N, C-alpha and C. Protein backbone atom coordinates (compact mmCIF):
# COMPACT_ATOMS: atom_id res chain seq x y z
N MET A 1 26.43 40.98 -0.27
CA MET A 1 25.86 40.08 -1.26
C MET A 1 27.01 39.51 -2.06
N THR A 2 26.77 38.34 -2.59
CA THR A 2 27.75 37.69 -3.41
C THR A 2 28.17 38.55 -4.61
N GLU A 3 29.49 38.73 -4.77
CA GLU A 3 30.01 39.52 -5.89
C GLU A 3 29.77 38.87 -7.24
N LEU A 4 29.95 37.59 -7.35
CA LEU A 4 29.73 36.89 -8.61
C LEU A 4 28.57 35.90 -8.49
N LEU A 5 27.68 35.97 -9.43
CA LEU A 5 26.51 35.11 -9.43
C LEU A 5 26.56 34.20 -10.67
N HIS A 6 26.86 32.95 -10.44
CA HIS A 6 26.98 32.02 -11.61
C HIS A 6 25.66 31.44 -11.95
N ALA A 7 25.33 31.41 -13.21
CA ALA A 7 24.10 30.85 -13.68
C ALA A 7 24.27 29.78 -14.69
N ALA A 8 25.48 29.57 -15.12
CA ALA A 8 25.73 28.60 -16.22
C ALA A 8 25.22 27.18 -15.89
N ALA A 9 25.40 26.75 -14.60
CA ALA A 9 24.97 25.44 -14.25
C ALA A 9 23.47 25.24 -14.29
N ASP A 10 22.73 26.34 -14.18
CA ASP A 10 21.27 26.27 -14.16
C ASP A 10 20.68 26.55 -15.51
N ARG A 11 21.47 26.76 -16.53
CA ARG A 11 20.93 27.11 -17.84
C ARG A 11 20.13 26.00 -18.43
N PRO A 12 19.09 26.35 -19.21
CA PRO A 12 18.33 25.28 -19.88
C PRO A 12 19.17 24.62 -20.97
N ALA A 13 18.79 23.41 -21.30
CA ALA A 13 19.52 22.71 -22.33
C ALA A 13 19.60 23.54 -23.62
N GLY A 14 20.83 23.74 -24.14
CA GLY A 14 20.98 24.56 -25.33
C GLY A 14 21.01 26.02 -25.07
N GLY A 15 20.81 26.46 -23.81
CA GLY A 15 20.83 27.89 -23.51
C GLY A 15 22.27 28.38 -23.36
N PRO A 16 22.39 29.70 -23.34
CA PRO A 16 23.78 30.20 -23.32
C PRO A 16 24.42 30.15 -21.94
N ALA A 17 25.70 29.94 -21.84
CA ALA A 17 26.47 30.07 -20.61
C ALA A 17 26.62 31.51 -20.30
N PHE A 18 26.35 31.94 -19.05
CA PHE A 18 26.46 33.33 -18.76
C PHE A 18 26.77 33.45 -17.23
N ARG A 19 27.13 34.67 -16.82
CA ARG A 19 27.37 34.99 -15.46
C ARG A 19 26.87 36.34 -15.17
N LEU A 20 26.27 36.54 -13.99
CA LEU A 20 25.78 37.82 -13.54
C LEU A 20 26.67 38.24 -12.39
N ARG A 21 27.08 39.53 -12.41
CA ARG A 21 27.89 40.05 -11.28
C ARG A 21 27.33 41.45 -10.91
N VAL A 22 27.56 41.80 -9.65
CA VAL A 22 27.24 43.19 -9.25
C VAL A 22 28.13 44.09 -10.08
N PRO A 23 27.58 45.15 -10.65
CA PRO A 23 28.34 46.03 -11.47
C PRO A 23 29.55 46.67 -10.74
N THR A 24 30.70 46.66 -11.39
CA THR A 24 31.88 47.27 -10.81
C THR A 24 31.98 48.68 -11.37
N GLU A 25 32.93 49.43 -10.83
CA GLU A 25 33.18 50.79 -11.37
C GLU A 25 33.59 50.66 -12.88
N GLU A 26 34.36 49.65 -13.21
CA GLU A 26 34.81 49.46 -14.57
C GLU A 26 33.65 49.15 -15.53
N ASP A 27 32.61 48.52 -14.97
CA ASP A 27 31.46 48.20 -15.83
C ASP A 27 30.80 49.42 -16.39
N ALA A 28 30.89 50.59 -15.75
CA ALA A 28 30.32 51.77 -16.32
C ALA A 28 30.94 52.06 -17.73
N TYR A 29 32.27 51.80 -17.84
CA TYR A 29 32.86 51.98 -19.15
C TYR A 29 32.43 50.94 -20.15
N ALA A 30 32.30 49.70 -19.68
CA ALA A 30 31.84 48.62 -20.53
C ALA A 30 30.41 48.85 -20.99
N TRP A 31 29.52 49.26 -20.10
CA TRP A 31 28.14 49.53 -20.48
C TRP A 31 28.08 50.68 -21.47
N HIS A 32 28.82 51.70 -21.21
CA HIS A 32 28.87 52.83 -22.17
C HIS A 32 29.29 52.41 -23.52
N ARG A 33 30.28 51.53 -23.57
CA ARG A 33 30.78 51.01 -24.85
C ARG A 33 29.79 50.10 -25.58
N VAL A 34 29.22 49.09 -24.85
CA VAL A 34 28.39 48.18 -25.56
C VAL A 34 27.01 48.72 -25.89
N PHE A 35 26.63 49.78 -25.18
CA PHE A 35 25.31 50.41 -25.49
C PHE A 35 25.44 51.58 -26.46
N ASP A 36 26.67 51.86 -26.92
CA ASP A 36 26.87 52.98 -27.88
C ASP A 36 26.60 52.47 -29.27
N ASP A 37 25.29 52.17 -29.48
CA ASP A 37 24.79 51.60 -30.73
C ASP A 37 23.39 52.07 -30.96
N PRO A 38 23.06 52.69 -32.08
CA PRO A 38 21.68 53.22 -32.23
C PRO A 38 20.62 52.14 -32.17
N GLU A 39 20.91 50.93 -32.63
CA GLU A 39 19.96 49.84 -32.53
C GLU A 39 19.69 49.47 -31.08
N VAL A 40 20.71 49.39 -30.29
CA VAL A 40 20.55 49.00 -28.86
C VAL A 40 19.76 50.11 -28.13
N MET A 41 19.98 51.35 -28.48
CA MET A 41 19.37 52.45 -27.81
C MET A 41 18.03 52.95 -28.49
N GLU A 42 17.59 52.26 -29.44
CA GLU A 42 16.35 52.70 -30.21
C GLU A 42 15.20 52.99 -29.22
N PHE A 43 15.01 52.18 -28.22
CA PHE A 43 13.88 52.39 -27.31
C PHE A 43 14.26 53.03 -25.98
N HIS A 44 15.45 53.64 -25.95
CA HIS A 44 16.00 54.24 -24.76
C HIS A 44 16.59 55.62 -25.12
N GLY A 45 15.88 56.35 -25.97
CA GLY A 45 16.32 57.70 -26.27
C GLY A 45 17.13 57.81 -27.57
N GLY A 46 17.49 56.70 -28.20
CA GLY A 46 18.13 56.72 -29.46
C GLY A 46 19.68 56.77 -29.45
N ARG A 47 20.28 57.13 -28.35
CA ARG A 47 21.72 57.17 -28.37
C ARG A 47 22.19 56.83 -26.91
N SER A 48 23.49 56.45 -26.82
CA SER A 48 24.06 56.14 -25.54
C SER A 48 24.15 57.37 -24.67
N ALA A 49 24.00 57.20 -23.38
CA ALA A 49 24.11 58.29 -22.43
C ALA A 49 25.62 58.62 -22.25
N GLU A 50 25.92 59.71 -21.68
CA GLU A 50 27.28 60.10 -21.28
C GLU A 50 27.83 59.08 -20.31
N LEU A 51 29.13 58.96 -20.26
CA LEU A 51 29.79 58.04 -19.32
C LEU A 51 29.38 58.33 -17.89
N SER A 52 29.25 59.58 -17.53
CA SER A 52 28.90 59.91 -16.12
C SER A 52 27.55 59.33 -15.72
N VAL A 53 26.63 59.15 -16.70
CA VAL A 53 25.33 58.57 -16.37
C VAL A 53 25.52 57.10 -16.01
N TYR A 54 26.35 56.36 -16.76
CA TYR A 54 26.66 54.98 -16.47
C TYR A 54 27.41 54.84 -15.17
N GLN A 55 28.28 55.79 -14.83
CA GLN A 55 28.99 55.75 -13.57
C GLN A 55 28.01 55.83 -12.39
N GLU A 56 27.08 56.79 -12.47
CA GLU A 56 26.05 56.91 -11.42
C GLU A 56 25.16 55.73 -11.43
N PHE A 57 24.77 55.22 -12.57
CA PHE A 57 23.91 54.06 -12.68
C PHE A 57 24.47 52.79 -12.10
N THR A 58 25.76 52.53 -12.40
CA THR A 58 26.40 51.34 -11.81
C THR A 58 26.55 51.50 -10.25
N ALA A 59 26.85 52.72 -9.81
CA ALA A 59 26.98 52.96 -8.36
C ALA A 59 25.63 52.72 -7.68
N ARG A 60 24.55 53.15 -8.32
CA ARG A 60 23.18 52.97 -7.75
C ARG A 60 22.88 51.45 -7.69
N GLN A 61 23.28 50.70 -8.68
CA GLN A 61 23.07 49.24 -8.67
C GLN A 61 23.84 48.56 -7.54
N ARG A 62 25.03 49.03 -7.29
CA ARG A 62 25.81 48.49 -6.15
C ARG A 62 25.06 48.71 -4.82
N ARG A 63 24.49 49.97 -4.68
CA ARG A 63 23.74 50.26 -3.50
C ARG A 63 22.48 49.38 -3.42
N HIS A 64 21.76 49.23 -4.53
CA HIS A 64 20.58 48.31 -4.51
C HIS A 64 20.96 46.94 -4.05
N ASP A 65 22.08 46.40 -4.55
CA ASP A 65 22.45 45.07 -4.22
C ASP A 65 22.76 44.96 -2.76
N ALA A 66 23.49 45.98 -2.18
CA ALA A 66 23.85 45.93 -0.76
C ALA A 66 22.63 46.10 0.14
N GLU A 67 21.66 46.91 -0.29
CA GLU A 67 20.46 47.15 0.57
C GLU A 67 19.34 46.22 0.31
N LEU A 68 19.14 45.75 -0.91
CA LEU A 68 17.98 44.95 -1.28
C LEU A 68 18.31 43.51 -1.63
N GLY A 69 19.56 43.20 -1.94
CA GLY A 69 19.93 41.86 -2.37
C GLY A 69 19.72 41.59 -3.82
N PHE A 70 19.39 42.62 -4.56
CA PHE A 70 19.29 42.51 -6.01
C PHE A 70 19.56 43.84 -6.66
N CYS A 71 19.83 43.76 -7.99
CA CYS A 71 20.14 44.99 -8.77
C CYS A 71 20.04 44.61 -10.25
N LEU A 72 20.37 45.55 -11.05
CA LEU A 72 20.66 45.29 -12.47
C LEU A 72 22.08 44.81 -12.57
N TRP A 73 22.29 43.49 -12.65
CA TRP A 73 23.65 42.91 -12.70
C TRP A 73 24.26 43.05 -14.08
N THR A 74 25.59 43.08 -14.06
CA THR A 74 26.33 43.03 -15.31
C THR A 74 26.17 41.61 -15.83
N LEU A 75 25.88 41.45 -17.10
CA LEU A 75 25.75 40.18 -17.76
C LEU A 75 26.99 39.89 -18.62
N LEU A 76 27.64 38.78 -18.26
CA LEU A 76 28.86 38.35 -18.95
C LEU A 76 28.58 37.07 -19.75
N ASP A 77 29.18 36.99 -20.93
CA ASP A 77 28.96 35.82 -21.80
C ASP A 77 29.94 34.70 -21.39
N GLU A 78 29.99 33.66 -22.22
CA GLU A 78 30.82 32.48 -21.87
C GLU A 78 32.30 32.82 -21.95
N ALA A 79 32.66 33.89 -22.64
CA ALA A 79 34.10 34.37 -22.69
C ALA A 79 34.40 35.40 -21.60
N ASP A 80 33.45 35.57 -20.70
CA ASP A 80 33.55 36.53 -19.58
C ASP A 80 33.64 37.99 -20.07
N GLU A 81 32.99 38.24 -21.27
CA GLU A 81 32.92 39.59 -21.80
C GLU A 81 31.60 40.20 -21.40
N VAL A 82 31.58 41.50 -21.10
CA VAL A 82 30.33 42.16 -20.78
C VAL A 82 29.47 42.32 -22.02
N VAL A 83 28.23 41.79 -21.90
CA VAL A 83 27.31 41.90 -23.02
C VAL A 83 26.06 42.69 -22.66
N GLY A 84 25.99 43.29 -21.45
CA GLY A 84 24.89 44.13 -21.06
C GLY A 84 24.56 43.95 -19.60
N PHE A 85 23.30 44.15 -19.26
CA PHE A 85 22.82 43.99 -17.89
C PHE A 85 21.51 43.29 -17.88
N THR A 86 21.16 42.62 -16.81
CA THR A 86 19.89 42.02 -16.55
C THR A 86 19.68 41.97 -15.04
N GLY A 87 18.51 42.22 -14.57
CA GLY A 87 18.26 42.19 -13.15
C GLY A 87 16.98 42.90 -12.79
N ALA A 88 16.98 43.44 -11.56
CA ALA A 88 15.76 44.08 -11.05
C ALA A 88 16.19 45.28 -10.17
N GLN A 89 15.32 46.26 -10.13
CA GLN A 89 15.55 47.43 -9.31
C GLN A 89 14.18 48.06 -8.98
N PRO A 90 14.10 48.89 -7.93
CA PRO A 90 12.85 49.63 -7.71
C PRO A 90 12.65 50.53 -8.92
N TRP A 91 11.41 50.61 -9.39
CA TRP A 91 11.10 51.51 -10.52
C TRP A 91 11.62 52.88 -10.23
N PRO A 92 12.45 53.45 -11.13
CA PRO A 92 13.22 54.66 -10.84
C PRO A 92 12.52 55.97 -11.25
N HIS A 93 11.32 55.95 -11.79
CA HIS A 93 10.75 57.16 -12.38
C HIS A 93 9.49 57.57 -11.59
N PRO A 94 9.11 58.92 -11.73
CA PRO A 94 7.89 59.36 -11.02
C PRO A 94 6.58 59.02 -11.72
N TRP A 95 6.68 58.36 -12.82
CA TRP A 95 5.49 57.94 -13.62
C TRP A 95 5.51 56.39 -13.69
N GLY A 96 4.42 55.81 -14.12
CA GLY A 96 4.37 54.32 -14.34
C GLY A 96 4.17 53.62 -13.01
N PRO A 97 4.83 52.45 -12.89
CA PRO A 97 4.61 51.59 -11.69
C PRO A 97 5.40 51.99 -10.46
N VAL A 98 5.17 53.20 -10.02
CA VAL A 98 5.87 53.76 -8.83
C VAL A 98 5.67 52.78 -7.65
N GLY A 99 6.75 52.47 -6.93
CA GLY A 99 6.73 51.55 -5.80
C GLY A 99 6.85 50.13 -6.12
N GLU A 100 6.94 49.77 -7.37
CA GLU A 100 7.13 48.40 -7.77
C GLU A 100 8.52 48.07 -8.08
N VAL A 101 8.87 46.76 -8.14
CA VAL A 101 10.17 46.26 -8.51
C VAL A 101 10.12 45.94 -9.98
N GLU A 102 11.02 46.58 -10.75
CA GLU A 102 11.07 46.38 -12.20
C GLU A 102 12.16 45.31 -12.52
N ILE A 103 11.85 44.41 -13.44
CA ILE A 103 12.82 43.54 -14.00
C ILE A 103 13.17 44.10 -15.34
N GLY A 104 14.47 44.04 -15.73
CA GLY A 104 14.87 44.62 -16.98
C GLY A 104 16.13 44.04 -17.52
N TRP A 105 16.41 44.36 -18.77
CA TRP A 105 17.57 43.85 -19.48
C TRP A 105 17.89 44.81 -20.61
N ARG A 106 19.18 44.86 -20.92
CA ARG A 106 19.67 45.60 -22.12
C ARG A 106 20.94 44.90 -22.54
N LEU A 107 20.97 44.53 -23.82
CA LEU A 107 22.13 43.73 -24.31
C LEU A 107 22.80 44.45 -25.47
N ALA A 108 24.06 44.20 -25.60
CA ALA A 108 24.82 44.65 -26.77
C ALA A 108 24.23 43.94 -27.99
N ARG A 109 24.30 44.62 -29.11
CA ARG A 109 23.72 44.06 -30.38
C ARG A 109 24.25 42.67 -30.68
N PRO A 110 25.53 42.35 -30.58
CA PRO A 110 25.99 40.95 -30.93
C PRO A 110 25.39 39.92 -30.04
N ALA A 111 24.85 40.27 -28.88
CA ALA A 111 24.27 39.26 -27.94
C ALA A 111 22.83 39.00 -28.24
N TRP A 112 22.18 39.75 -29.08
CA TRP A 112 20.77 39.60 -29.38
C TRP A 112 20.51 38.22 -30.04
N GLY A 113 19.33 37.65 -29.73
CA GLY A 113 18.87 36.45 -30.38
C GLY A 113 19.61 35.20 -29.95
N ARG A 114 20.39 35.22 -28.88
CA ARG A 114 21.16 34.11 -28.40
C ARG A 114 20.61 33.50 -27.12
N GLY A 115 19.54 34.09 -26.57
CA GLY A 115 18.91 33.50 -25.38
C GLY A 115 19.34 34.14 -24.04
N TYR A 116 20.24 35.11 -24.10
CA TYR A 116 20.79 35.67 -22.90
C TYR A 116 19.70 36.39 -22.09
N ALA A 117 18.91 37.19 -22.73
CA ALA A 117 17.93 38.01 -22.00
C ALA A 117 16.95 37.11 -21.25
N THR A 118 16.38 36.14 -21.89
CA THR A 118 15.43 35.21 -21.24
C THR A 118 16.08 34.40 -20.15
N ALA A 119 17.25 33.83 -20.43
CA ALA A 119 17.91 32.95 -19.43
C ALA A 119 18.33 33.79 -18.21
N ALA A 120 18.91 34.97 -18.42
CA ALA A 120 19.31 35.82 -17.30
C ALA A 120 18.14 36.39 -16.53
N ALA A 121 17.11 36.72 -17.24
CA ALA A 121 15.84 37.19 -16.59
C ALA A 121 15.25 36.10 -15.74
N ARG A 122 15.27 34.86 -16.16
CA ARG A 122 14.73 33.78 -15.35
C ARG A 122 15.55 33.64 -14.07
N GLU A 123 16.86 33.73 -14.22
CA GLU A 123 17.74 33.73 -13.04
C GLU A 123 17.39 34.88 -12.12
N THR A 124 17.14 36.00 -12.67
CA THR A 124 16.77 37.20 -11.88
C THR A 124 15.46 36.94 -11.11
N LEU A 125 14.49 36.33 -11.73
CA LEU A 125 13.22 36.02 -11.06
C LEU A 125 13.47 35.14 -9.85
N GLU A 126 14.35 34.12 -9.98
CA GLU A 126 14.66 33.27 -8.82
C GLU A 126 15.30 34.07 -7.72
N ARG A 127 16.22 34.93 -8.07
CA ARG A 127 16.92 35.69 -7.05
C ARG A 127 16.09 36.72 -6.35
N VAL A 128 15.16 37.39 -7.08
CA VAL A 128 14.30 38.35 -6.42
C VAL A 128 13.27 37.67 -5.61
N ARG A 129 12.78 36.52 -6.05
CA ARG A 129 11.88 35.72 -5.24
C ARG A 129 12.58 35.33 -3.90
N ALA A 130 13.80 34.90 -4.02
CA ALA A 130 14.57 34.52 -2.79
C ALA A 130 14.77 35.71 -1.88
N ALA A 131 14.82 36.91 -2.42
CA ALA A 131 14.97 38.16 -1.65
C ALA A 131 13.68 38.61 -1.00
N GLY A 132 12.60 37.89 -1.31
CA GLY A 132 11.26 38.24 -0.72
C GLY A 132 10.34 39.08 -1.54
N VAL A 133 10.74 39.33 -2.76
CA VAL A 133 9.91 40.15 -3.67
C VAL A 133 8.70 39.32 -4.05
N GLU A 134 7.48 39.84 -3.94
CA GLU A 134 6.27 39.13 -4.28
C GLU A 134 5.74 39.27 -5.71
N ARG A 135 6.13 40.34 -6.36
CA ARG A 135 5.73 40.54 -7.77
C ARG A 135 6.74 41.49 -8.43
N VAL A 136 6.82 41.40 -9.74
CA VAL A 136 7.70 42.27 -10.54
C VAL A 136 6.94 42.83 -11.64
N VAL A 137 7.40 43.91 -12.22
CA VAL A 137 6.82 44.50 -13.39
C VAL A 137 7.95 44.65 -14.42
N ALA A 138 7.56 44.80 -15.69
CA ALA A 138 8.51 45.18 -16.79
C ALA A 138 7.76 46.26 -17.59
N MET A 139 8.46 47.41 -17.75
CA MET A 139 7.94 48.44 -18.64
C MET A 139 8.69 48.30 -19.94
N VAL A 140 7.98 48.06 -21.05
CA VAL A 140 8.58 47.83 -22.31
C VAL A 140 7.91 48.73 -23.36
N ASN A 141 8.77 49.42 -24.15
CA ASN A 141 8.21 50.19 -25.24
C ASN A 141 7.36 49.29 -26.12
N ALA A 142 6.17 49.73 -26.45
CA ALA A 142 5.23 48.93 -27.17
C ALA A 142 5.78 48.47 -28.56
N ARG A 143 6.73 49.20 -29.09
CA ARG A 143 7.29 48.77 -30.41
C ARG A 143 8.44 47.83 -30.24
N ASN A 144 8.92 47.52 -29.03
CA ASN A 144 10.09 46.67 -28.80
C ASN A 144 9.67 45.20 -28.77
N GLU A 145 9.48 44.69 -29.97
CA GLU A 145 8.97 43.32 -30.04
C GLU A 145 9.82 42.26 -29.40
N ARG A 146 11.17 42.44 -29.46
CA ARG A 146 12.08 41.47 -28.82
C ARG A 146 11.87 41.42 -27.33
N SER A 147 11.74 42.63 -26.67
CA SER A 147 11.55 42.56 -25.23
C SER A 147 10.17 42.14 -24.84
N VAL A 148 9.14 42.42 -25.68
CA VAL A 148 7.84 41.94 -25.38
C VAL A 148 7.86 40.42 -25.47
N ALA A 149 8.61 39.83 -26.38
CA ALA A 149 8.72 38.40 -26.47
C ALA A 149 9.35 37.82 -25.24
N VAL A 150 10.39 38.51 -24.69
CA VAL A 150 11.04 37.97 -23.47
C VAL A 150 9.96 37.98 -22.34
N THR A 151 9.17 39.03 -22.20
CA THR A 151 8.20 39.07 -21.06
C THR A 151 7.20 37.87 -21.22
N ARG A 152 6.85 37.57 -22.43
CA ARG A 152 5.93 36.45 -22.63
C ARG A 152 6.56 35.13 -22.29
N ARG A 153 7.85 34.95 -22.63
CA ARG A 153 8.56 33.69 -22.28
C ARG A 153 8.71 33.57 -20.78
N LEU A 154 8.71 34.71 -20.08
CA LEU A 154 8.81 34.65 -18.58
C LEU A 154 7.43 34.45 -17.97
N GLY A 155 6.37 34.45 -18.78
CA GLY A 155 5.07 34.26 -18.21
C GLY A 155 4.39 35.49 -17.65
N MET A 156 4.93 36.64 -18.05
CA MET A 156 4.40 37.93 -17.58
C MET A 156 3.07 38.23 -18.36
N ALA A 157 2.21 38.94 -17.71
CA ALA A 157 0.88 39.30 -18.32
C ALA A 157 0.86 40.84 -18.55
N LEU A 158 0.31 41.23 -19.67
CA LEU A 158 0.09 42.65 -20.00
C LEU A 158 -0.91 43.20 -19.04
N GLN A 159 -0.57 44.28 -18.33
CA GLN A 159 -1.49 44.85 -17.31
C GLN A 159 -1.96 46.24 -17.74
N GLY A 160 -1.42 46.76 -18.80
CA GLY A 160 -1.87 48.09 -19.26
C GLY A 160 -0.81 48.69 -20.17
N THR A 161 -1.23 49.82 -20.79
CA THR A 161 -0.40 50.54 -21.71
C THR A 161 -0.52 52.03 -21.35
N LEU A 162 0.57 52.77 -21.37
CA LEU A 162 0.52 54.16 -20.99
C LEU A 162 1.48 54.97 -21.83
N PRO A 163 1.30 56.26 -21.97
CA PRO A 163 2.26 57.09 -22.73
C PRO A 163 3.56 57.17 -21.99
N ILE A 164 4.66 57.27 -22.75
CA ILE A 164 5.98 57.42 -22.15
C ILE A 164 6.29 58.91 -22.11
N PRO A 165 6.38 59.53 -20.95
CA PRO A 165 6.62 60.99 -20.83
C PRO A 165 7.89 61.40 -21.60
N GLY A 166 7.72 62.51 -22.30
CA GLY A 166 8.86 63.12 -23.00
C GLY A 166 9.13 62.44 -24.36
N ARG A 167 8.37 61.45 -24.75
CA ARG A 167 8.57 60.83 -26.05
C ARG A 167 7.25 60.84 -26.78
N GLU A 168 7.16 61.75 -27.68
CA GLU A 168 5.94 61.97 -28.41
C GLU A 168 5.48 60.66 -29.11
N ASP A 169 4.25 60.35 -28.93
CA ASP A 169 3.59 59.18 -29.63
C ASP A 169 4.21 57.85 -29.24
N GLU A 170 4.93 57.72 -28.10
CA GLU A 170 5.49 56.47 -27.68
C GLU A 170 4.67 55.94 -26.55
N LEU A 171 4.36 54.63 -26.61
CA LEU A 171 3.59 53.95 -25.57
C LEU A 171 4.46 52.88 -24.90
N GLY A 172 4.22 52.68 -23.63
CA GLY A 172 4.91 51.69 -22.86
C GLY A 172 3.91 50.63 -22.39
N HIS A 173 4.21 49.36 -22.54
CA HIS A 173 3.41 48.29 -22.01
C HIS A 173 3.93 47.98 -20.57
N ARG A 174 2.99 47.81 -19.70
CA ARG A 174 3.31 47.35 -18.34
C ARG A 174 2.96 45.90 -18.23
N PHE A 175 3.95 45.05 -18.00
CA PHE A 175 3.78 43.60 -17.78
C PHE A 175 3.97 43.37 -16.29
N GLY A 176 3.29 42.34 -15.82
CA GLY A 176 3.45 41.98 -14.37
C GLY A 176 3.53 40.48 -14.20
N LEU A 177 4.13 40.05 -13.09
CA LEU A 177 4.21 38.68 -12.76
C LEU A 177 4.23 38.55 -11.24
N GLU A 178 3.30 37.72 -10.71
CA GLU A 178 3.25 37.36 -9.29
C GLU A 178 4.29 36.28 -9.02
N LEU A 179 5.07 36.50 -8.01
CA LEU A 179 6.12 35.55 -7.63
C LEU A 179 5.74 34.67 -6.43
N ARG A 180 4.73 35.06 -5.66
CA ARG A 180 4.33 34.27 -4.54
C ARG A 180 3.83 32.88 -5.00
N GLY A 181 4.34 31.91 -4.36
CA GLY A 181 3.86 30.56 -4.62
C GLY A 181 4.20 30.04 -6.04
N ALA A 182 4.96 30.87 -6.79
CA ALA A 182 5.26 30.47 -8.19
C ALA A 182 6.48 29.51 -8.16
């Protein structure tokens, strides 16, 4: 699969310039650094994971790209700095939308509110559609208003709400989008 995926030429007027790339081994360090922020991790356990988790995570994404043609790509800004990830992967948990392809994003705090999540997620939808995926889901913490707003901008529909295992009193919204003929 292509190592570098350029999306700047396809950005909407006024949207951010960005680039998606298959995560490198070095990106594990970058993800660990940019996600080491309580605000970023508020809906993901509250704190950044250990570096080894990001090392395994980026390795898994490289396998997904090689086997499926898509993954959670590293998101780079106009200065070619890592600002997070955006992409798709098979749902990785034994609860929720098992067997579905999940679209997702996580951005460093300085990248919030600049249009990166929506623009890169739209690029992701085009790429997973081209890979033959017929529908995607997004699991979003019900309190995460920013990510809920991204799903709406993508045209995703709320399909249900369920408890998040291991997180007392936390609910997750399941959004879905059909890609066939879209």
